[in-house]
């Protein structure tokens, strides 16, 4: 499996997360297992992804109103991360 394949798998998983057919924990676990993708990207990408996943997992513990993290905003940030990761892979 290539880094691009792993990026594509994460994109598909994000769509499943948005449609509530995949849980937050499963998405986070999948994201953290994409070793080839992580190796192909600058270190900062891993740091940002880890922060986003931590926020996403925290938001899943609380109702939307009681959490300081908006699920919609977090999913948007994850999409932005995926978009930038794709650009970075194409540069390499």
PDB file of N, CA and C in Angstrom:
ATOM      1  N   UNK A   1       0.854  -1.181   0.000  1.00  0.00           N
ATOM      2  CA  UNK A   1       0.000   0.000   0.000  1.00  0.00           C
ATOM      3  C   UNK A   1       0.897   1.241   0.000  1.00  0.00           C
ATOM      4  N   UNK A   2       0.572   2.186  -0.843  1.00  0.00           N
ATOM      5  CA  UNK A   2       1.369   3.409  -0.948  1.00  0.00           C
ATOM      6  C   UNK A   2       0.818   4.479   0.000  1.00  0.00           C
ATOM      7  N   UNK A   3       1.591   5.553   0.139  1.00  0.00           N
ATOM      8  CA  UNK A   3       1.144   6.693   0.941  1.00  0.00           C
ATOM      9  C   UNK A   3      -0.146   7.270   0.348  1.00  0.00           C
ATOM     10  N   UNK A   4      -0.247   7.312  -0.978  1.00  0.00           N
ATOM     11  CA  UNK A   4      -1.463   7.817  -1.626  1.00  0.00           C
ATOM     12  C   UNK A   4      -2.657   6.915  -1.328  1.00  0.00           C
ATOM     13  N   UNK A   5      -2.429   5.608  -1.332  1.00  0.00           N
ATOM     14  CA  UNK A   5      -3.505   4.664  -0.988  1.00  0.00           C
ATOM     15  C   UNK A   5      -3.991   4.916   0.437  1.00  0.00           C
ATOM     16  N   UNK A   6      -3.056   5.165   1.338  1.00  0.00           N
ATOM     17  CA  UNK A   6      -3.432   5.418   2.721  1.00  0.00           C
ATOM     18  C   UNK A   6      -4.181   6.746   2.851  1.00  0.00           C
ATOM     19  N   UNK A   7      -3.769   7.740   2.100  1.00  0.00           N
ATOM     20  CA  UNK A   7      -4.478   9.014   2.095  1.00  0.00           C
ATOM     21  C   UNK A   7      -5.907   8.823   1.571  1.00  0.00           C
ATOM     22  N   UNK A   8      -6.049   8.048   0.506  1.00  0.00           N
ATOM     23  CA  UNK A   8      -7.374   7.764  -0.057  1.00  0.00           C
ATOM     24  C   UNK A   8      -8.250   7.016   0.951  1.00  0.00           C
ATOM     25  N   UNK A   9      -7.651   6.080   1.693  1.00  0.00           N
ATOM     26  CA  UNK A   9      -8.396   5.338   2.713  1.00  0.00           C
ATOM     27  C   UNK A   9      -8.875   6.272   3.819  1.00  0.00           C
ATOM     28  N   UNK A  10      -8.026   7.223   4.202  1.00  0.00           N
ATOM     29  CA  UNK A  10      -8.428   8.192   5.224  1.00  0.00           C
ATOM     30  C   UNK A  10      -9.538   9.099   4.711  1.00  0.00           C
ATOM     31  N   UNK A  11      -9.474   9.474   3.455  1.00  0.00           N
ATOM     32  CA  UNK A  11     -10.532  10.308   2.861  1.00  0.00           C
ATOM     33  C   UNK A  11     -11.862   9.564   2.897  1.00  0.00           C
ATOM     34  N   UNK A  12     -11.837   8.298   2.533  1.00  0.00           N
ATOM     35  CA  UNK A  12     -13.062   7.488   2.560  1.00  0.00           C
ATOM     36  C   UNK A  12     -13.578   7.336   3.992  1.00  0.00           C
ATOM     37  N   UNK A  13     -12.657   7.153   4.931  1.00  0.00           N
ATOM     38  CA  UNK A  13     -13.048   7.014   6.333  1.00  0.00           C
ATOM     39  C   UNK A  13     -13.654   8.312   6.869  1.00  0.00           C
ATOM     40  N   UNK A  14     -13.129   9.446   6.428  1.00  0.00           N
ATOM     41  CA  UNK A  14     -13.689  10.729   6.860  1.00  0.00           C
ATOM     42  C   UNK A  14     -15.128  10.870   6.346  1.00  0.00           C
ATOM     43  N   UNK A  15     -15.379  10.426   5.130  1.00  0.00           N
ATOM     44  CA  UNK A  15     -16.744  10.469   4.599  1.00  0.00           C
ATOM     45  C   UNK A  15     -17.670   9.575   5.432  1.00  0.00           C
ATOM     46  N   UNK A  16     -17.165   8.425   5.847  1.00  0.00           N
ATOM     47  CA  UNK A  16     -17.949   7.526   6.691  1.00  0.00           C
ATOM     48  C   UNK A  16     -18.202   8.163   8.058  1.00  0.00           C
ATOM     49  N   UNK A  17     -17.212   8.853   8.575  1.00  0.00           N
ATOM     50  CA  UNK A  17     -17.370   9.542   9.861  1.00  0.00           C
ATOM     51  C   UNK A  17     -18.430  10.623   9.750  1.00  0.00           C
ATOM     52  N   UNK A  18     -18.389  11.364   8.655  1.00  0.00           N
ATOM     53  CA  UNK A  18     -19.389  12.422   8.432  1.00  0.00           C
ATOM     54  C   UNK A  18     -20.807  11.859   8.338  1.00  0.00           C
ATOM     55  N   UNK A  19     -20.943  10.675   7.767  1.00  0.00           N
ATOM     56  CA  UNK A  19     -22.268  10.064   7.605  1.00  0.00           C
ATOM     57  C   UNK A  19     -22.632   9.161   8.786  1.00  0.00           C
ATOM     58  N   UNK A  20     -21.811   9.181   9.819  1.00  0.00           N
ATOM     59  CA  UNK A  20     -22.045   8.395  11.038  1.00  0.00           C
ATOM     60  C   UNK A  20     -22.068   6.890  10.795  1.00  0.00           C
ATOM     61  N   UNK A  21     -21.362   6.414   9.768  1.00  0.00           N
ATOM     62  CA  UNK A  21     -21.231   4.970   9.561  1.00  0.00           C
ATOM     63  C   UNK A  21     -19.901   4.458  10.098  1.00  0.00           C
ATOM     64  N   UNK A  22     -19.086   5.371  10.629  1.00  0.00           N
ATOM     65  CA  UNK A  22     -17.821   5.023  11.263  1.00  0.00           C
ATOM     66  C   UNK A  22     -17.707   5.875  12.519  1.00  0.00           C
ATOM     67  N   UNK A  23     -17.299   5.259  13.601  1.00  0.00           N
ATOM     68  CA  UNK A  23     -17.166   5.980  14.855  1.00  0.00           C
ATOM     69  C   UNK A  23     -15.856   6.744  14.944  1.00  0.00           C
ATOM     70  N   UNK A  24     -15.817   7.669  15.888  1.00  0.00           N
ATOM     71  CA  UNK A  24     -14.629   8.493  16.098  1.00  0.00           C
ATOM     72  C   UNK A  24     -13.426   7.639  16.478  1.00  0.00           C
ATOM     73  N   UNK A  25     -13.612   6.691  17.379  1.00  0.00           N
ATOM     74  CA  UNK A  25     -12.495   5.850  17.823  1.00  0.00           C
ATOM     75  C   UNK A  25     -11.915   5.046  16.663  1.00  0.00           C
ATOM     76  N   UNK A  26     -12.787   4.499  15.826  1.00  0.00           N
ATOM     77  CA  UNK A  26     -12.327   3.715  14.671  1.00  0.00           C
ATOM     78  C   UNK A  26     -11.591   4.607  13.675  1.00  0.00           C
ATOM     79  N   UNK A  27     -12.103   5.808  13.451  1.00  0.00           N
ATOM     80  CA  UNK A  27     -11.427   6.738  12.546  1.00  0.00           C
ATOM     81  C   UNK A  27     -10.052   7.096  13.085  1.00  0.00           C
ATOM     82  N   UNK A  28      -9.975   7.414  14.359  1.00  0.00           N
ATOM     83  CA  UNK A  28      -8.695   7.795  14.971  1.00  0.00           C
ATOM     84  C   UNK A  28      -7.682   6.659  14.881  1.00  0.00           C
ATOM     85  N   UNK A  29      -8.151   5.450  15.164  1.00  0.00           N
ATOM     86  CA  UNK A  29      -7.258   4.293  15.096  1.00  0.00           C
ATOM     87  C   UNK A  29      -6.734   4.106  13.673  1.00  0.00           C
ATOM     88  N   UNK A  30      -7.617   4.204  12.702  1.00  0.00           N
ATOM     89  CA  UNK A  30      -7.212   4.073  11.302  1.00  0.00           C
ATOM     90  C   UNK A  30      -6.201   5.151  10.934  1.00  0.00           C
ATOM     91  N   UNK A  31      -6.486   6.389  11.345  1.00  0.00           N
ATOM     92  CA  UNK A  31      -5.593   7.503  11.005  1.00  0.00           C
ATOM     93  C   UNK A  31      -4.196   7.290  11.582  1.00  0.00           C
ATOM     94  N   UNK A  32      -4.126   6.793  12.794  1.00  0.00           N
ATOM     95  CA  UNK A  32      -2.819   6.610  13.438  1.00  0.00           C
ATOM     96  C   UNK A  32      -2.048   5.416  12.872  1.00  0.00           C
ATOM     97  N   UNK A  33      -2.707   4.547  12.126  1.00  0.00           N
ATOM     98  CA  UNK A  33      -2.054   3.359  11.554  1.00  0.00           C
ATOM     99  C   UNK A  33      -1.479   3.595  10.162  1.00  0.00           C
ATOM    100  N   UNK A  34      -1.638   4.784   9.621  1.00  0.00           N
ATOM    101  CA  UNK A  34      -1.188   5.065   8.255  1.00  0.00           C
ATOM    102  C   UNK A  34       0.291   5.444   8.251  1.00  0.00           C
ATOM    103  N   UNK A  35       1.140   4.468   8.521  1.00  0.00           N
ATOM    104  CA  UNK A  35       2.579   4.705   8.687  1.00  0.00           C
ATOM    105  C   UNK A  35       3.280   5.167   7.418  1.00  0.00           C
ATOM    106  N   UNK A  36       2.903   4.631   6.282  1.00  0.00           N
ATOM    107  CA  UNK A  36       3.555   5.050   5.035  1.00  0.00           C
ATOM    108  C   UNK A  36       3.224   6.507   4.724  1.00  0.00           C
ATOM    109  N   UNK A  37       1.975   6.897   4.981  1.00  0.00           N
ATOM    110  CA  UNK A  37       1.567   8.282   4.772  1.00  0.00           C
ATOM    111  C   UNK A  37       2.352   9.194   5.708  1.00  0.00           C
ATOM    112  N   UNK A  38       2.431   8.824   6.959  1.00  0.00           N
ATOM    113  CA  UNK A  38       3.162   9.636   7.943  1.00  0.00           C
ATOM    114  C   UNK A  38       4.628   9.793   7.542  1.00  0.00           C
ATOM    115  N   UNK A  39       5.222   8.720   7.047  1.00  0.00           N
ATOM    116  CA  UNK A  39       6.637   8.758   6.654  1.00  0.00           C
ATOM    117  C   UNK A  39       6.866   9.633   5.425  1.00  0.00           C
ATOM    118  N   UNK A  40       5.842   9.755   4.573  1.00  0.00           N
ATOM    119  CA  UNK A  40       5.979  10.525   3.333  1.00  0.00           C
ATOM    120  C   UNK A  40       5.740  12.018   3.541  1.00  0.00           C
ATOM    121  N   UNK A  41       5.231  12.398   4.713  1.00  0.00           N
ATOM    122  CA  UNK A  41       4.905  13.793   4.992  1.00  0.00           C
ATOM    123  C   UNK A  41       5.889  14.390   5.989  1.00  0.00           C
ATOM    124  N   UNK A  42       6.049  15.707   5.961  1.00  0.00           N
ATOM    125  CA  UNK A  42       6.882  16.358   6.981  1.00  0.00           C
ATOM    126  C   UNK A  42       6.329  16.067   8.382  1.00  0.00           C
ATOM    127  N   UNK A  43       7.209  16.072   9.356  1.00  0.00           N
ATOM    128  CA  UNK A  43       6.851  15.723  10.729  1.00  0.00           C
ATOM    129  C   UNK A  43       5.676  16.548  11.259  1.00  0.00           C
ATOM    130  N   UNK A  44       5.620  17.796  10.872  1.00  0.00           N
ATOM    131  CA  UNK A  44       4.564  18.694  11.361  1.00  0.00           C
ATOM    132  C   UNK A  44       3.165  18.166  11.032  1.00  0.00           C
ATOM    133  N   UNK A  45       3.013  17.465   9.918  1.00  0.00           N
ATOM    134  CA  UNK A  45       1.714  16.902   9.560  1.00  0.00           C
ATOM    135  C   UNK A  45       1.236  15.919  10.626  1.00  0.00           C
ATOM    136  N   UNK A  46       2.132  15.104  11.128  1.00  0.00           N
ATOM    137  CA  UNK A  46       1.782  14.148  12.174  1.00  0.00           C
ATOM    138  C   UNK A  46       1.362  14.835  13.454  1.00  0.00           C
ATOM    139  N   UNK A  47       2.061  15.911  13.796  1.00  0.00           N
ATOM    140  CA  UNK A  47       1.726  16.667  15.004  1.00  0.00           C
ATOM    141  C   UNK A  47       0.335  17.274  14.895  1.00  0.00           C
ATOM    142  N   UNK A  48       0.039  17.873  13.753  1.00  0.00           N
ATOM    143  CA  UNK A  48      -1.266  18.502  13.551  1.00  0.00           C
ATOM    144  C   UNK A  48      -2.369  17.446  13.556  1.00  0.00           C
ATOM    145  N   UNK A  49      -2.144  16.327  12.879  1.00  0.00           N
ATOM    146  CA  UNK A  49      -3.150  15.265  12.850  1.00  0.00           C
ATOM    147  C   UNK A  49      -3.422  14.753  14.262  1.00  0.00           C
ATOM    148  N   UNK A  50      -2.385  14.566  15.033  1.00  0.00           N
ATOM    149  CA  UNK A  50      -2.549  14.094  16.408  1.00  0.00           C
ATOM    150  C   UNK A  50      -3.398  15.065  17.230  1.00  0.00           C
ATOM    151  N   UNK A  51      -3.148  16.349  17.072  1.00  0.00           N
ATOM    152  CA  UNK A  51      -3.941  17.362  17.782  1.00  0.00           C
ATOM    153  C   UNK A  51      -5.401  17.328  17.341  1.00  0.00           C
ATOM    154  N   UNK A  52      -5.627  17.211  16.054  1.00  0.00           N
ATOM    155  CA  UNK A  52      -7.003  17.151  15.551  1.00  0.00           C
ATOM    156  C   UNK A  52      -7.728  15.912  16.060  1.00  0.00           C
ATOM    157  N   UNK A  53      -7.039  14.780  16.072  1.00  0.00           N
ATOM    158  CA  UNK A  53      -7.665  13.548  16.549  1.00  0.00           C
ATOM    159  C   UNK A  53      -7.972  13.631  18.039  1.00  0.00           C
ATOM    160  N   UNK A  54      -7.075  14.243  18.812  1.00  0.00           N
ATOM    161  CA  UNK A  54      -7.332  14.416  20.244  1.00  0.00           C
ATOM    162  C   UNK A  54      -8.579  15.263  20.468  1.00  0.00           C
ATOM    163  N   UNK A  55      -8.708  16.341  19.713  1.00  0.00           N
ATOM    164  CA  UNK A  55      -9.897  17.196  19.833  1.00  0.00           C
ATOM    165  C   UNK A  55     -11.155  16.450  19.411  1.00  0.00           C
ATOM    166  N   UNK A  56     -11.048  15.684  18.335  1.00  0.00           N
ATOM    167  CA  UNK A  56     -12.200  14.925  17.848  1.00  0.00           C
ATOM    168  C   UNK A  56     -12.642  13.906  18.891  1.00  0.00           C
ATOM    169  N   UNK A  57     -11.693  13.203  19.480  1.00  0.00           N
ATOM    170  CA  UNK A  57     -12.025  12.217  20.504  1.00  0.00           C
ATOM    171  C   UNK A  57     -12.629  12.892  21.730  1.00  0.00           C
ATOM    172  N   UNK A  58     -12.110  14.047  22.099  1.00  0.00           N
ATOM    173  CA  UNK A  58     -12.669  14.791  23.236  1.00  0.00           C
ATOM    174  C   UNK A  58     -14.094  15.234  22.942  1.00  0.00           C
ATOM    175  N   UNK A  59     -14.331  15.697  21.722  1.00  0.00           N
ATOM    176  CA  UNK A  59     -15.671  16.173  21.373  1.00  0.00           C
ATOM    177  C   UNK A  59     -16.678  15.033  21.387  1.00  0.00           C
ATOM    178  N   UNK A  60     -16.220  13.814  21.121  1.00  0.00           N
ATOM    179  CA  UNK A  60     -17.129  12.664  21.098  1.00  0.00           C
ATOM    180  C   UNK A  60     -17.611  12.308  22.506  1.00  0.00           C
ATOM    181  N   UNK A  61     -16.900  12.764  23.526  1.00  0.00           N
ATOM    182  CA  UNK A  61     -17.270  12.440  24.900  1.00  0.00           C
ATOM    183  C   UNK A  61     -18.397  13.312  25.435  1.00  0.00           C
ATOM    184  N   UNK A  62     -18.664  14.430  24.768  1.00  0.00           N
ATOM    185  CA  UNK A  62     -19.639  15.393  25.259  1.00  0.00           C
ATOM    186  C   UNK A  62     -20.674  15.698  24.192  1.00  0.00           C
ATOM    187  N   UNK A  63     -21.808  16.191  24.646  1.00  0.00           N
ATOM    188  CA  UNK A  63     -22.820  16.686  23.712  1.00  0.00           C
ATOM    189  C   UNK A  63     -22.250  17.915  23.020  1.00  0.00           C
ATOM    190  N   UNK A  64     -22.672  18.176  21.823  1.00  0.00           N
ATOM    191  CA  UNK A  64     -22.159  19.302  21.025  1.00  0.00           C
ATOM    192  C   UNK A  64     -22.189  20.605  21.815  1.00  0.00           C
ATOM    193  N   UNK A  65     -23.259  20.835  22.569  1.00  0.00           N
ATOM    194  CA  UNK A  65     -23.410  22.106  23.282  1.00  0.00           C
ATOM    195  C   UNK A  65     -22.414  22.264  24.426  1.00  0.00           C
ATOM    196  N   UNK A  66     -21.998  21.156  25.021  1.00  0.00           N
ATOM    197  CA  UNK A  66     -21.136  21.260  26.193  1.00  0.00           C
ATOM    198  C   UNK A  66     -19.656  21.120  25.864  1.00  0.00           C
ATOM    199  N   UNK A  67     -19.351  20.996  24.617  1.00  0.00           N
ATOM    200  CA  UNK A  67     -17.958  20.801  24.215  1.00  0.00           C
ATOM    201  C   UNK A  67     -17.432  22.059  23.540  1.00  0.00           C
ATOM    202  N   UNK A  68     -16.178  22.374  23.820  1.00  0.00           N
ATOM    203  CA  UNK A  68     -15.606  23.572  23.223  1.00  0.00           C
ATOM    204  C   UNK A  68     -15.170  23.344  21.773  1.00  0.00           C
ATOM    205  N   UNK A  69     -15.215  22.108  21.298  1.00  0.00           N
ATOM    206  CA  UNK A  69     -14.827  21.796  19.934  1.00  0.00           C
ATOM    207  C   UNK A  69     -16.072  21.480  19.103  1.00  0.00           C
ATOM    208  N   UNK A  70     -16.248  22.181  18.027  1.00  0.00           N
ATOM    209  CA  UNK A  70     -17.361  21.922  17.124  1.00  0.00           C
ATOM    210  C   UNK A  70     -17.010  20.742  16.215  1.00  0.00           C
ATOM    211  N   UNK A  71     -17.865  19.733  16.194  1.00  0.00           N
ATOM    212  CA  UNK A  71     -17.624  18.559  15.352  1.00  0.00           C
ATOM    213  C   UNK A  71     -17.515  18.976  13.885  1.00  0.00           C
ATOM    214  N   UNK A  72     -18.408  19.856  13.462  1.00  0.00           N
ATOM    215  CA  UNK A  72     -18.387  20.310  12.070  1.00  0.00           C
ATOM    216  C   UNK A  72     -17.048  20.978  11.746  1.00  0.00           C
ATOM    217  N   UNK A  73     -16.572  21.834  12.634  1.00  0.00           N
ATOM    218  CA  UNK A  73     -15.289  22.506  12.412  1.00  0.00           C
ATOM    219  C   UNK A  73     -14.130  21.514  12.411  1.00  0.00           C
ATOM    220  N   UNK A  74     -14.184  20.535  13.314  1.00  0.00           N
ATOM    221  CA  UNK A  74     -13.117  19.527  13.376  1.00  0.00           C
ATOM    222  C   UNK A  74     -13.087  18.689  12.096  1.00  0.00           C
ATOM    223  N   UNK A  75     -14.256  18.305  11.619  1.00  0.00           N
ATOM    224  CA  UNK A  75     -14.294  17.531  10.373  1.00  0.00           C
ATOM    225  C   UNK A  75     -13.792  18.372   9.204  1.00  0.00           C
ATOM    226  N   UNK A  76     -14.100  19.652   9.222  1.00  0.00           N
ATOM    227  CA  UNK A  76     -13.572  20.557   8.202  1.00  0.00           C
ATOM    228  C   UNK A  76     -12.062  20.677   8.285  1.00  0.00           C
ATOM    229  N   UNK A  77     -11.543  20.730   9.496  1.00  0.00           N
ATOM    230  CA  UNK A  77     -10.089  20.802   9.679  1.00  0.00           C
ATOM    231  C   UNK A  77      -9.408  19.517   9.230  1.00  0.00           C
ATOM    232  N   UNK A  78     -10.046  18.389   9.490  1.00  0.00           N
ATOM    233  CA  UNK A  78      -9.488  17.112   9.014  1.00  0.00           C
ATOM    234  C   UNK A  78      -9.485  17.065   7.490  1.00  0.00           C
ATOM    235  N   UNK A  79     -10.542  17.596   6.858  1.00  0.00           N
ATOM    236  CA  UNK A  79     -10.577  17.641   5.390  1.00  0.00           C
ATOM    237  C   UNK A  79      -9.453  18.529   4.862  1.00  0.00           C
ATOM    238  N   UNK A  80      -9.242  19.659   5.512  1.00  0.00           N
ATOM    239  CA  UNK A  80      -8.158  20.554   5.115  1.00  0.00           C
ATOM    240  C   UNK A  80      -6.811  19.854   5.257  1.00  0.00           C
ATOM    241  N   UNK A  81      -6.629  19.100   6.342  1.00  0.00           N
ATOM    242  CA  UNK A  81      -5.386  18.352   6.549  1.00  0.00           C
ATOM    243  C   UNK A  81      -5.197  17.358   5.405  1.00  0.00           C
ATOM    244  N   UNK A  82      -6.265  16.632   5.060  1.00  0.00           N
ATOM    245  CA  UNK A  82      -6.176  15.663   3.966  1.00  0.00           C
ATOM    246  C   UNK A  82      -5.833  16.347   2.641  1.00  0.00           C
ATOM    247  N   UNK A  83      -6.450  17.490   2.394  1.00  0.00           N
ATOM    248  CA  UNK A  83      -6.169  18.235   1.163  1.00  0.00           C
ATOM    249  C   UNK A  83      -4.705  18.664   1.104  1.00  0.00           C
ATOM    250  N   UNK A  84      -4.204  19.185   2.206  1.00  0.00           N
ATOM    251  CA  UNK A  84      -2.803  19.635   2.238  1.00  0.00           C
ATOM    252  C   UNK A  84      -1.841  18.463   2.162  1.00  0.00           C
ATOM    253  N   UNK A  85      -2.198  17.352   2.782  1.00  0.00           N
ATOM    254  CA  UNK A  85      -1.366  16.151   2.690  1.00  0.00           C
ATOM    255  C   UNK A  85      -1.297  15.668   1.248  1.00  0.00           C
ATOM    256  N   UNK A  86      -2.423  15.729   0.549  1.00  0.00           N
ATOM    257  CA  UNK A  86      -2.439  15.335  -0.862  1.00  0.00           C
ATOM    258  C   UNK A  86      -1.558  16.221  -1.714  1.00  0.00           C
ATOM    259  N   UNK A  87      -1.607  17.518  -1.451  1.00  0.00           N
ATOM    260  CA  UNK A  87      -0.723  18.458  -2.173  1.00  0.00           C
ATOM    261  C   UNK A  87       0.738  18.159  -1.893  1.00  0.00           C
ATOM    262  N   UNK A  88       1.034  17.874  -0.636  1.00  0.00           N
ATOM    263  CA  UNK A  88       2.409  17.566  -0.248  1.00  0.00           C
ATOM    264  C   UNK A  88       2.906  16.291  -0.925  1.00  0.00           C
ATOM    265  N   UNK A  89       2.056  15.280  -1.006  1.00  0.00           N
ATOM    266  CA  UNK A  89       2.444  14.030  -1.675  1.00  0.00           C
ATOM    267  C   UNK A  89       2.716  14.267  -3.163  1.00  0.00           C
ATOM    268  N   UNK A  90       1.913  15.114  -3.782  1.00  0.00           N
ATOM    269  CA  UNK A  90       2.117  15.383  -5.215  1.00  0.00           C
ATOM    270  C   UNK A  90       3.413  16.161  -5.452  1.00  0.00           C
ATOM    271  N   UNK A  91       3.844  16.947  -4.488  1.00  0.00           N
ATOM    272  CA  UNK A  91       5.116  17.689  -4.610  1.00  0.00           C
ATOM    273  C   UNK A  91       6.318  16.757  -4.559  1.00  0.00           C
ATOM    274  N   UNK A  92       6.171  15.683  -3.803  1.00  0.00           N
ATOM    275  CA  UNK A  92       7.307  14.772  -3.564  1.00  0.00           C
ATOM    276  C   UNK A  92       7.676  13.981  -4.793  1.00  0.00           C
TER     277      UNK A  92
END
